[in-house]
């Protein structure tokens, strides 16, 4: 029997207003949000909890979203990464997708975009089925994952 990594997201942003806005939107959709103000404070969360979604500010001085992505891959965290920026342009979007993250969100946040993202995230596989055993062996207390197929990433919507 498999259990799904629930509707849990991690926000990494030094701006407390980001957490307030996202908590308000996510709560209405039965998601929970954990917030970390830095990459260093986010790593213990990533090690201890199973997140479906990680939302990170592009710039986390002196670090960036790429450090978040590298840390997630090193930990084997099976979450989708979304990068947030006030300057979410085509260049950033291209870089984020080419490096394997899931999507880019522009600030200020728009509830309709967040809801659209959550709808798509809920239908995307986190790991190929053959990798579930390896993931669980690295995390003995972790839950299994329900796999969903057939959905394009949010950023590739028509």
N, C-alpha and C. Protein backbone atom coordinates (compact mmCIF):
# COMPACT_ATOMS: atom_id res chain seq x y z
N UNK A 1 0.85 -1.18 0.00
CA UNK A 1 0.00 0.00 0.00
C UNK A 1 0.89 1.24 0.00
N UNK A 2 0.55 2.20 -0.82
CA UNK A 2 1.33 3.43 -0.90
C UNK A 2 0.56 4.58 -0.28
N UNK A 3 1.28 5.44 0.37
CA UNK A 3 0.71 6.67 0.91
C UNK A 3 1.26 7.83 0.12
N UNK A 4 0.46 8.81 -0.16
CA UNK A 4 0.92 9.95 -0.93
C UNK A 4 1.60 10.96 -0.04
N UNK A 5 2.71 11.52 -0.58
CA UNK A 5 3.27 12.69 0.08
C UNK A 5 2.18 13.73 -0.02
N UNK A 6 1.76 14.22 1.11
CA UNK A 6 0.58 15.05 1.17
C UNK A 6 0.72 16.42 0.57
N UNK A 7 -0.24 17.21 0.84
CA UNK A 7 -0.31 18.57 0.35
C UNK A 7 0.50 19.46 1.28
N UNK A 8 1.80 19.27 1.23
CA UNK A 8 2.70 20.01 2.10
C UNK A 8 3.77 20.69 1.26
N UNK A 9 3.97 21.97 1.53
CA UNK A 9 4.96 22.75 0.78
C UNK A 9 5.93 23.40 1.76
N UNK A 10 7.13 23.63 1.26
CA UNK A 10 8.15 24.37 2.01
C UNK A 10 8.45 25.64 1.24
N UNK A 11 8.37 26.77 1.92
CA UNK A 11 8.73 28.05 1.34
C UNK A 11 10.07 28.47 1.92
N UNK A 12 10.99 28.86 1.02
CA UNK A 12 12.28 29.40 1.46
C UNK A 12 12.35 30.84 0.96
N UNK A 13 12.17 31.76 1.89
CA UNK A 13 12.15 33.18 1.54
C UNK A 13 12.46 34.01 2.77
N UNK A 14 13.31 35.03 2.63
CA UNK A 14 13.58 35.90 3.76
C UNK A 14 12.45 36.89 4.04
N UNK A 15 11.47 36.96 3.16
CA UNK A 15 10.37 37.91 3.28
C UNK A 15 9.19 37.27 4.01
N UNK A 16 8.89 37.68 5.25
CA UNK A 16 7.78 37.07 5.99
C UNK A 16 6.43 37.29 5.32
N UNK A 17 6.30 38.31 4.51
CA UNK A 17 5.04 38.56 3.80
C UNK A 17 4.74 37.43 2.80
N UNK A 18 5.79 36.85 2.21
CA UNK A 18 5.59 35.72 1.30
C UNK A 18 4.88 34.57 2.01
N UNK A 19 5.32 34.27 3.21
CA UNK A 19 4.72 33.17 3.98
C UNK A 19 3.26 33.49 4.32
N UNK A 20 2.97 34.73 4.68
CA UNK A 20 1.59 35.10 5.00
C UNK A 20 0.68 34.94 3.80
N UNK A 21 1.10 35.43 2.66
CA UNK A 21 0.29 35.35 1.44
C UNK A 21 0.08 33.91 1.02
N UNK A 22 1.17 33.14 0.95
CA UNK A 22 1.06 31.75 0.50
C UNK A 22 0.28 30.89 1.48
N UNK A 23 0.46 31.11 2.76
CA UNK A 23 -0.30 30.35 3.75
C UNK A 23 -1.79 30.58 3.55
N UNK A 24 -2.19 31.81 3.32
CA UNK A 24 -3.59 32.13 3.11
C UNK A 24 -4.16 31.40 1.89
N UNK A 25 -3.42 31.39 0.82
CA UNK A 25 -3.89 30.75 -0.41
C UNK A 25 -3.88 29.24 -0.27
N UNK A 26 -2.79 28.68 0.24
CA UNK A 26 -2.66 27.24 0.34
C UNK A 26 -3.64 26.64 1.35
N UNK A 27 -3.89 27.34 2.43
CA UNK A 27 -4.81 26.83 3.45
C UNK A 27 -6.21 26.59 2.85
N UNK A 28 -6.64 27.49 1.99
CA UNK A 28 -7.97 27.33 1.35
C UNK A 28 -8.04 26.07 0.49
N UNK A 29 -6.89 25.57 0.05
CA UNK A 29 -6.84 24.38 -0.80
C UNK A 29 -6.40 23.14 -0.01
N UNK A 30 -6.44 23.25 1.32
CA UNK A 30 -6.05 22.15 2.21
C UNK A 30 -4.60 21.74 2.08
N UNK A 31 -3.73 22.70 1.82
CA UNK A 31 -2.29 22.50 1.83
C UNK A 31 -1.74 23.11 3.11
N UNK A 32 -0.64 22.55 3.58
CA UNK A 32 0.06 23.19 4.71
C UNK A 32 1.38 23.74 4.19
N UNK A 33 1.81 24.81 4.80
CA UNK A 33 3.04 25.48 4.38
C UNK A 33 3.98 25.59 5.57
N UNK A 34 5.22 25.14 5.36
CA UNK A 34 6.29 25.35 6.32
C UNK A 34 7.17 26.43 5.72
N UNK A 35 7.65 27.34 6.55
CA UNK A 35 8.45 28.45 6.04
C UNK A 35 9.84 28.44 6.67
N UNK A 36 10.82 28.72 5.83
CA UNK A 36 12.21 28.88 6.28
C UNK A 36 12.72 30.19 5.69
N UNK A 37 13.46 30.95 6.48
CA UNK A 37 13.92 32.25 6.00
C UNK A 37 15.25 32.18 5.25
N UNK A 38 15.91 31.00 5.29
CA UNK A 38 17.19 30.85 4.61
C UNK A 38 17.37 29.41 4.16
N UNK A 39 18.34 29.21 3.31
CA UNK A 39 18.67 27.86 2.87
C UNK A 39 19.13 27.01 4.05
N UNK A 40 19.92 27.59 4.91
CA UNK A 40 20.43 26.85 6.07
C UNK A 40 19.30 26.39 6.99
N UNK A 41 18.29 27.21 7.17
CA UNK A 41 17.18 26.80 8.03
C UNK A 41 16.23 25.85 7.30
N UNK A 42 16.32 25.79 5.99
CA UNK A 42 15.45 24.90 5.21
C UNK A 42 15.96 23.46 5.19
N UNK A 43 17.28 23.26 5.24
CA UNK A 43 17.81 21.91 5.12
C UNK A 43 17.31 20.94 6.19
N UNK A 44 17.25 21.33 7.47
CA UNK A 44 16.68 20.39 8.44
C UNK A 44 15.24 20.00 8.10
N UNK A 45 14.46 20.95 7.60
CA UNK A 45 13.08 20.65 7.18
C UNK A 45 13.08 19.63 6.05
N UNK A 46 13.95 19.82 5.07
CA UNK A 46 14.01 18.91 3.94
C UNK A 46 14.46 17.51 4.35
N UNK A 47 15.32 17.44 5.35
CA UNK A 47 15.79 16.14 5.83
C UNK A 47 14.73 15.40 6.64
N UNK A 48 13.90 16.14 7.37
CA UNK A 48 12.95 15.52 8.29
C UNK A 48 11.56 15.31 7.72
N UNK A 49 11.16 16.09 6.74
CA UNK A 49 9.78 16.03 6.23
C UNK A 49 9.76 15.72 4.74
N UNK A 50 8.65 15.19 4.32
CA UNK A 50 8.43 14.90 2.91
C UNK A 50 7.53 15.98 2.33
N UNK A 51 8.09 16.81 1.49
CA UNK A 51 7.33 17.89 0.86
C UNK A 51 6.98 17.51 -0.57
N UNK A 52 5.82 17.90 -0.98
CA UNK A 52 5.43 17.72 -2.38
C UNK A 52 5.98 18.86 -3.22
N UNK A 53 6.13 20.03 -2.60
CA UNK A 53 6.50 21.23 -3.32
C UNK A 53 7.46 22.06 -2.47
N UNK A 54 8.52 22.56 -3.10
CA UNK A 54 9.42 23.52 -2.46
C UNK A 54 9.37 24.79 -3.30
N UNK A 55 9.05 25.88 -2.66
CA UNK A 55 8.97 27.19 -3.32
C UNK A 55 10.10 28.03 -2.75
N UNK A 56 10.99 28.49 -3.62
CA UNK A 56 12.12 29.26 -3.12
C UNK A 56 12.28 30.58 -3.85
N UNK A 57 12.67 31.57 -3.10
CA UNK A 57 13.05 32.85 -3.67
C UNK A 57 14.27 32.62 -4.56
N UNK A 58 14.33 33.30 -5.68
CA UNK A 58 15.46 33.17 -6.60
C UNK A 58 16.77 33.53 -5.92
N UNK A 59 16.79 34.64 -5.22
CA UNK A 59 18.00 35.12 -4.56
C UNK A 59 17.86 35.00 -3.05
N UNK A 60 18.76 34.24 -2.46
CA UNK A 60 18.80 34.02 -1.01
C UNK A 60 20.18 34.42 -0.51
N UNK A 61 20.53 35.67 -0.69
CA UNK A 61 21.89 36.16 -0.45
C UNK A 61 22.51 35.51 0.78
N UNK A 62 23.69 34.96 0.65
CA UNK A 62 24.56 34.95 -0.53
C UNK A 62 24.30 33.77 -1.46
N UNK A 63 23.26 33.04 -1.24
CA UNK A 63 22.94 31.85 -2.05
C UNK A 63 21.88 32.18 -3.10
N UNK A 64 21.57 31.16 -3.93
CA UNK A 64 20.52 31.32 -4.93
C UNK A 64 19.67 30.06 -4.96
N UNK A 65 18.66 30.07 -5.81
CA UNK A 65 17.79 28.91 -5.99
C UNK A 65 18.59 27.69 -6.44
N UNK A 66 19.70 27.91 -7.15
CA UNK A 66 20.51 26.77 -7.62
C UNK A 66 21.10 26.00 -6.44
N UNK A 67 21.42 26.70 -5.36
CA UNK A 67 21.91 26.02 -4.16
C UNK A 67 20.81 25.20 -3.51
N UNK A 68 19.59 25.71 -3.55
CA UNK A 68 18.44 24.95 -3.04
C UNK A 68 18.28 23.68 -3.87
N UNK A 69 18.31 23.82 -5.18
CA UNK A 69 18.14 22.69 -6.09
C UNK A 69 19.24 21.65 -5.87
N UNK A 70 20.49 22.10 -5.75
CA UNK A 70 21.60 21.18 -5.51
C UNK A 70 21.42 20.45 -4.18
N UNK A 71 21.00 21.16 -3.15
CA UNK A 71 20.77 20.54 -1.86
C UNK A 71 19.65 19.52 -1.89
N UNK A 72 18.58 19.84 -2.60
CA UNK A 72 17.47 18.90 -2.73
C UNK A 72 17.92 17.62 -3.43
N UNK A 73 18.69 17.77 -4.47
CA UNK A 73 19.17 16.59 -5.21
C UNK A 73 20.12 15.77 -4.35
N UNK A 74 20.98 16.44 -3.59
CA UNK A 74 21.92 15.73 -2.72
C UNK A 74 21.17 14.93 -1.66
N UNK A 75 20.12 15.51 -1.11
CA UNK A 75 19.32 14.83 -0.09
C UNK A 75 18.39 13.78 -0.69
N UNK A 76 18.18 13.83 -1.98
CA UNK A 76 17.23 12.92 -2.61
C UNK A 76 15.79 13.32 -2.33
N UNK A 77 15.57 14.60 -2.06
CA UNK A 77 14.22 15.08 -1.74
C UNK A 77 13.35 15.01 -3.00
N UNK A 78 12.26 14.24 -2.95
CA UNK A 78 11.43 14.06 -4.15
C UNK A 78 10.36 15.13 -4.32
N UNK A 79 10.69 16.36 -4.03
CA UNK A 79 9.73 17.45 -4.17
C UNK A 79 9.95 18.18 -5.49
N UNK A 80 8.94 18.88 -5.93
CA UNK A 80 9.05 19.74 -7.10
C UNK A 80 9.51 21.11 -6.64
N UNK A 81 10.43 21.72 -7.40
CA UNK A 81 10.97 23.03 -7.03
C UNK A 81 10.38 24.11 -7.92
N UNK A 82 9.87 25.16 -7.27
CA UNK A 82 9.35 26.34 -7.96
C UNK A 82 10.17 27.54 -7.50
N UNK A 83 10.64 28.32 -8.46
CA UNK A 83 11.47 29.49 -8.17
C UNK A 83 10.61 30.74 -8.28
N UNK A 84 10.75 31.64 -7.31
CA UNK A 84 9.96 32.87 -7.23
C UNK A 84 10.87 34.06 -7.45
N UNK A 85 10.39 35.03 -8.27
CA UNK A 85 11.18 36.23 -8.50
C UNK A 85 10.29 37.38 -8.93
N UNK A 86 10.68 38.58 -8.55
CA UNK A 86 10.00 39.78 -9.05
C UNK A 86 10.35 40.02 -10.51
N UNK A 87 11.44 39.42 -10.95
CA UNK A 87 11.89 39.56 -12.34
C UNK A 87 11.86 38.21 -13.04
N UNK A 88 10.69 37.61 -13.07
CA UNK A 88 10.50 36.29 -13.68
C UNK A 88 10.36 36.47 -15.19
N UNK A 89 11.49 36.41 -15.87
CA UNK A 89 11.47 36.60 -17.32
C UNK A 89 11.75 35.28 -18.04
N UNK A 90 11.76 35.34 -19.35
CA UNK A 90 11.98 34.14 -20.15
C UNK A 90 13.34 33.50 -19.90
N UNK A 91 14.34 34.31 -19.63
CA UNK A 91 15.68 33.78 -19.38
C UNK A 91 15.69 32.94 -18.10
N UNK A 92 15.08 33.45 -17.03
CA UNK A 92 15.00 32.69 -15.78
C UNK A 92 14.18 31.43 -15.97
N UNK A 93 13.04 31.56 -16.61
CA UNK A 93 12.17 30.41 -16.84
C UNK A 93 12.93 29.32 -17.59
N UNK A 94 13.66 29.70 -18.64
CA UNK A 94 14.43 28.75 -19.42
C UNK A 94 15.51 28.07 -18.58
N UNK A 95 16.22 28.86 -17.79
CA UNK A 95 17.28 28.31 -16.95
C UNK A 95 16.72 27.34 -15.91
N UNK A 96 15.64 27.72 -15.27
CA UNK A 96 15.02 26.87 -14.25
C UNK A 96 14.60 25.53 -14.83
N UNK A 97 13.91 25.57 -15.95
CA UNK A 97 13.45 24.32 -16.56
C UNK A 97 14.60 23.48 -17.10
N UNK A 98 15.59 24.13 -17.70
CA UNK A 98 16.72 23.39 -18.25
C UNK A 98 17.54 22.70 -17.18
N UNK A 99 17.57 23.24 -15.98
CA UNK A 99 18.30 22.61 -14.89
C UNK A 99 17.46 21.58 -14.14
N UNK A 100 16.18 21.46 -14.48
CA UNK A 100 15.37 20.39 -13.92
C UNK A 100 14.36 20.78 -12.87
N UNK A 101 14.30 22.05 -12.53
CA UNK A 101 13.28 22.47 -11.57
C UNK A 101 11.92 22.52 -12.27
N UNK A 102 10.86 22.75 -11.52
CA UNK A 102 9.51 22.58 -12.06
C UNK A 102 8.92 23.82 -12.71
N UNK A 103 9.08 25.00 -12.09
CA UNK A 103 8.42 26.18 -12.64
C UNK A 103 8.96 27.45 -12.00
N UNK A 104 8.49 28.58 -12.54
CA UNK A 104 8.81 29.91 -12.03
C UNK A 104 7.51 30.63 -11.74
N UNK A 105 7.46 31.32 -10.62
CA UNK A 105 6.31 32.16 -10.27
C UNK A 105 6.78 33.60 -10.13
N UNK A 106 5.98 34.51 -10.66
CA UNK A 106 6.29 35.93 -10.55
C UNK A 106 5.71 36.49 -9.26
N UNK A 107 6.43 37.46 -8.71
CA UNK A 107 5.92 38.23 -7.58
C UNK A 107 5.52 39.59 -8.12
N UNK A 108 4.51 40.22 -7.60
CA UNK A 108 3.69 39.75 -6.48
C UNK A 108 2.84 38.55 -6.89
N UNK A 109 2.56 37.71 -5.89
CA UNK A 109 1.80 36.49 -6.13
C UNK A 109 0.38 36.81 -6.57
N UNK A 110 -0.11 36.02 -7.51
CA UNK A 110 -1.52 36.08 -7.90
C UNK A 110 -2.16 34.77 -7.51
N UNK A 111 -3.25 34.84 -6.79
CA UNK A 111 -3.92 33.64 -6.30
C UNK A 111 -4.25 32.69 -7.44
N UNK A 112 -4.68 33.20 -8.58
CA UNK A 112 -5.05 32.33 -9.69
C UNK A 112 -3.85 31.52 -10.18
N UNK A 113 -2.67 32.11 -10.21
CA UNK A 113 -1.47 31.38 -10.63
C UNK A 113 -1.08 30.32 -9.60
N UNK A 114 -1.20 30.65 -8.33
CA UNK A 114 -0.88 29.68 -7.28
C UNK A 114 -1.85 28.50 -7.35
N UNK A 115 -3.13 28.78 -7.53
CA UNK A 115 -4.12 27.70 -7.61
C UNK A 115 -3.89 26.83 -8.84
N UNK A 116 -3.54 27.45 -9.94
CA UNK A 116 -3.24 26.68 -11.16
C UNK A 116 -2.02 25.78 -10.92
N UNK A 117 -1.01 26.32 -10.28
CA UNK A 117 0.18 25.54 -9.96
C UNK A 117 -0.18 24.35 -9.07
N UNK A 118 -0.94 24.59 -8.00
CA UNK A 118 -1.31 23.51 -7.09
C UNK A 118 -2.10 22.42 -7.79
N UNK A 119 -2.96 22.82 -8.70
CA UNK A 119 -3.74 21.84 -9.47
C UNK A 119 -2.81 20.93 -10.27
N UNK A 120 -1.81 21.49 -10.90
CA UNK A 120 -0.88 20.68 -11.70
C UNK A 120 0.08 19.88 -10.83
N UNK A 121 0.54 20.46 -9.76
CA UNK A 121 1.46 19.75 -8.87
C UNK A 121 0.80 18.50 -8.31
N UNK A 122 -0.47 18.59 -8.04
CA UNK A 122 -1.20 17.45 -7.50
C UNK A 122 -1.30 16.26 -8.43
N UNK A 123 -0.98 16.49 -9.71
CA UNK A 123 -1.10 15.41 -10.70
C UNK A 123 0.24 14.96 -11.28
N UNK A 124 1.33 15.44 -10.75
CA UNK A 124 2.64 15.12 -11.32
C UNK A 124 3.36 14.10 -10.46
N UNK A 125 4.00 13.14 -11.11
CA UNK A 125 4.81 12.16 -10.39
C UNK A 125 6.02 12.82 -9.77
N UNK A 126 6.38 12.38 -8.60
CA UNK A 126 7.58 12.90 -7.96
C UNK A 126 8.79 12.04 -8.30
N UNK A 127 8.62 10.73 -8.35
CA UNK A 127 9.71 9.82 -8.68
C UNK A 127 9.19 8.72 -9.61
N UNK A 128 10.05 8.25 -10.53
CA UNK A 128 9.66 7.06 -11.29
C UNK A 128 9.49 5.89 -10.33
N UNK A 129 8.59 4.98 -10.65
CA UNK A 129 8.27 3.87 -9.74
C UNK A 129 9.51 3.08 -9.34
N UNK A 130 10.44 2.86 -10.26
CA UNK A 130 11.62 2.06 -9.94
C UNK A 130 12.55 2.75 -8.94
N UNK A 131 12.40 4.06 -8.76
CA UNK A 131 13.26 4.77 -7.81
C UNK A 131 12.66 4.83 -6.41
N UNK A 132 11.39 4.44 -6.25
CA UNK A 132 10.77 4.53 -4.93
C UNK A 132 11.50 3.67 -3.91
N UNK A 133 11.88 2.45 -4.29
CA UNK A 133 12.56 1.56 -3.37
C UNK A 133 13.89 2.14 -2.92
N UNK A 134 14.64 2.70 -3.85
CA UNK A 134 15.93 3.31 -3.50
C UNK A 134 15.73 4.51 -2.58
N UNK A 135 14.72 5.33 -2.87
CA UNK A 135 14.44 6.50 -2.04
C UNK A 135 14.08 6.07 -0.62
N UNK A 136 13.20 5.06 -0.51
CA UNK A 136 12.78 4.60 0.80
C UNK A 136 13.93 3.96 1.57
N UNK A 137 14.86 3.31 0.88
CA UNK A 137 15.98 2.69 1.58
C UNK A 137 16.91 3.74 2.19
N UNK A 138 16.98 4.92 1.56
CA UNK A 138 17.80 6.00 2.12
C UNK A 138 17.08 6.69 3.27
N UNK A 139 15.75 6.55 3.34
CA UNK A 139 14.95 7.22 4.36
C UNK A 139 14.03 6.16 4.98
N UNK A 140 14.52 5.37 5.91
CA UNK A 140 13.75 4.24 6.43
C UNK A 140 12.41 4.59 7.04
N UNK A 141 12.22 5.81 7.52
CA UNK A 141 10.95 6.19 8.13
C UNK A 141 10.03 6.90 7.15
N UNK A 142 10.42 6.95 5.89
CA UNK A 142 9.64 7.68 4.90
C UNK A 142 8.45 6.87 4.43
N UNK A 143 7.44 7.59 3.97
CA UNK A 143 6.26 6.96 3.42
C UNK A 143 6.47 6.69 1.94
N UNK A 144 5.67 5.81 1.40
CA UNK A 144 5.70 5.56 -0.04
C UNK A 144 5.03 6.72 -0.76
N UNK A 145 5.10 6.69 -2.05
CA UNK A 145 4.56 7.78 -2.86
C UNK A 145 3.57 7.19 -3.86
N UNK A 146 2.45 7.86 -4.04
CA UNK A 146 1.51 7.48 -5.08
C UNK A 146 1.99 8.12 -6.37
N UNK A 147 2.02 7.37 -7.45
CA UNK A 147 2.50 7.89 -8.72
C UNK A 147 1.33 8.24 -9.61
N UNK A 148 1.42 9.39 -10.22
CA UNK A 148 0.41 9.85 -11.16
C UNK A 148 1.11 10.07 -12.49
N UNK A 149 0.43 9.83 -13.57
CA UNK A 149 1.07 9.98 -14.88
C UNK A 149 0.20 10.82 -15.79
N UNK A 150 0.81 11.29 -16.88
CA UNK A 150 0.06 11.91 -17.94
C UNK A 150 -0.19 13.39 -17.82
N UNK A 151 0.54 14.09 -16.99
CA UNK A 151 0.31 15.52 -16.84
C UNK A 151 1.59 16.27 -17.13
N UNK A 152 1.50 17.27 -17.98
CA UNK A 152 2.65 18.10 -18.29
C UNK A 152 2.89 19.05 -17.14
N UNK A 153 4.16 19.46 -16.94
CA UNK A 153 4.43 20.45 -15.90
C UNK A 153 3.64 21.73 -16.12
N UNK A 154 3.40 22.42 -15.03
CA UNK A 154 2.64 23.67 -15.02
C UNK A 154 3.14 24.63 -16.10
N UNK A 155 4.44 24.75 -16.22
CA UNK A 155 5.01 25.72 -17.14
C UNK A 155 4.84 25.32 -18.61
N UNK A 156 4.44 24.07 -18.87
CA UNK A 156 4.25 23.64 -20.24
C UNK A 156 2.77 23.56 -20.61
N UNK A 157 1.94 24.23 -19.82
CA UNK A 157 0.50 24.19 -20.11
C UNK A 157 0.25 24.92 -21.43
N UNK A 158 -0.83 24.55 -22.11
CA UNK A 158 -1.14 25.21 -23.39
C UNK A 158 -1.48 26.67 -23.21
